[in-house]
Amino acid sequence: MDRKPQVPPLPAPGEGPGPGEKKPGLLGKSRGMLQSAADSLTGRELPKLVEEFTREMSILAEGLSEDQAALREALKLQGGGQDELAQKLRGVEQQLESLTRRVDELGRKAERRQKGEAGLARILRQATWLAAVIAAGFIVTALIRLFGR
């Protein structure tokens, strides 16, 4: 009951036109098309198709391998660049931290100096007033002695 399509027998080699002869027009073209269809059904072209497929897959695999090698190289270069950038970033962060500490330290020194100068100015102002009071007292006593005699 397994029924396969009936394919008319093909002419034996040498029965058709020779290698130098052309097949006649439309009939030759349709015969060639039918021949290729019959060959694909009977499996005559299968080794040729497998060979062609294998060849194309080999070319494709070689191309993919080259692409993969190029991508690996690009990834390697990118990884190296990222390592360099990370090191530079750590260096800049350390410099920033150092500068921040230095600014804080200088700010504290400036505050202490300002407080110290303000305290010194206050002390000098009080000393000036004290000297003025003593000088005024000396002048008053000198005037009293001068006029009091």
Foldseek 3Di string as FASTA:
>chain_A
DDDDDDDDDDDDPPPDDDPVDDDDPPVRVVVVVSVVVVCVVVVVCVVVVVVVVVVVVVVVVVVVVVVVVVVVVVVVVVVVVVVVVVVVVVVVVVVVVVVVVVVVVVVVVVVVVVVVVVVVVVVVVVVVVVVVVVVVVVVVVVVCVVPVD
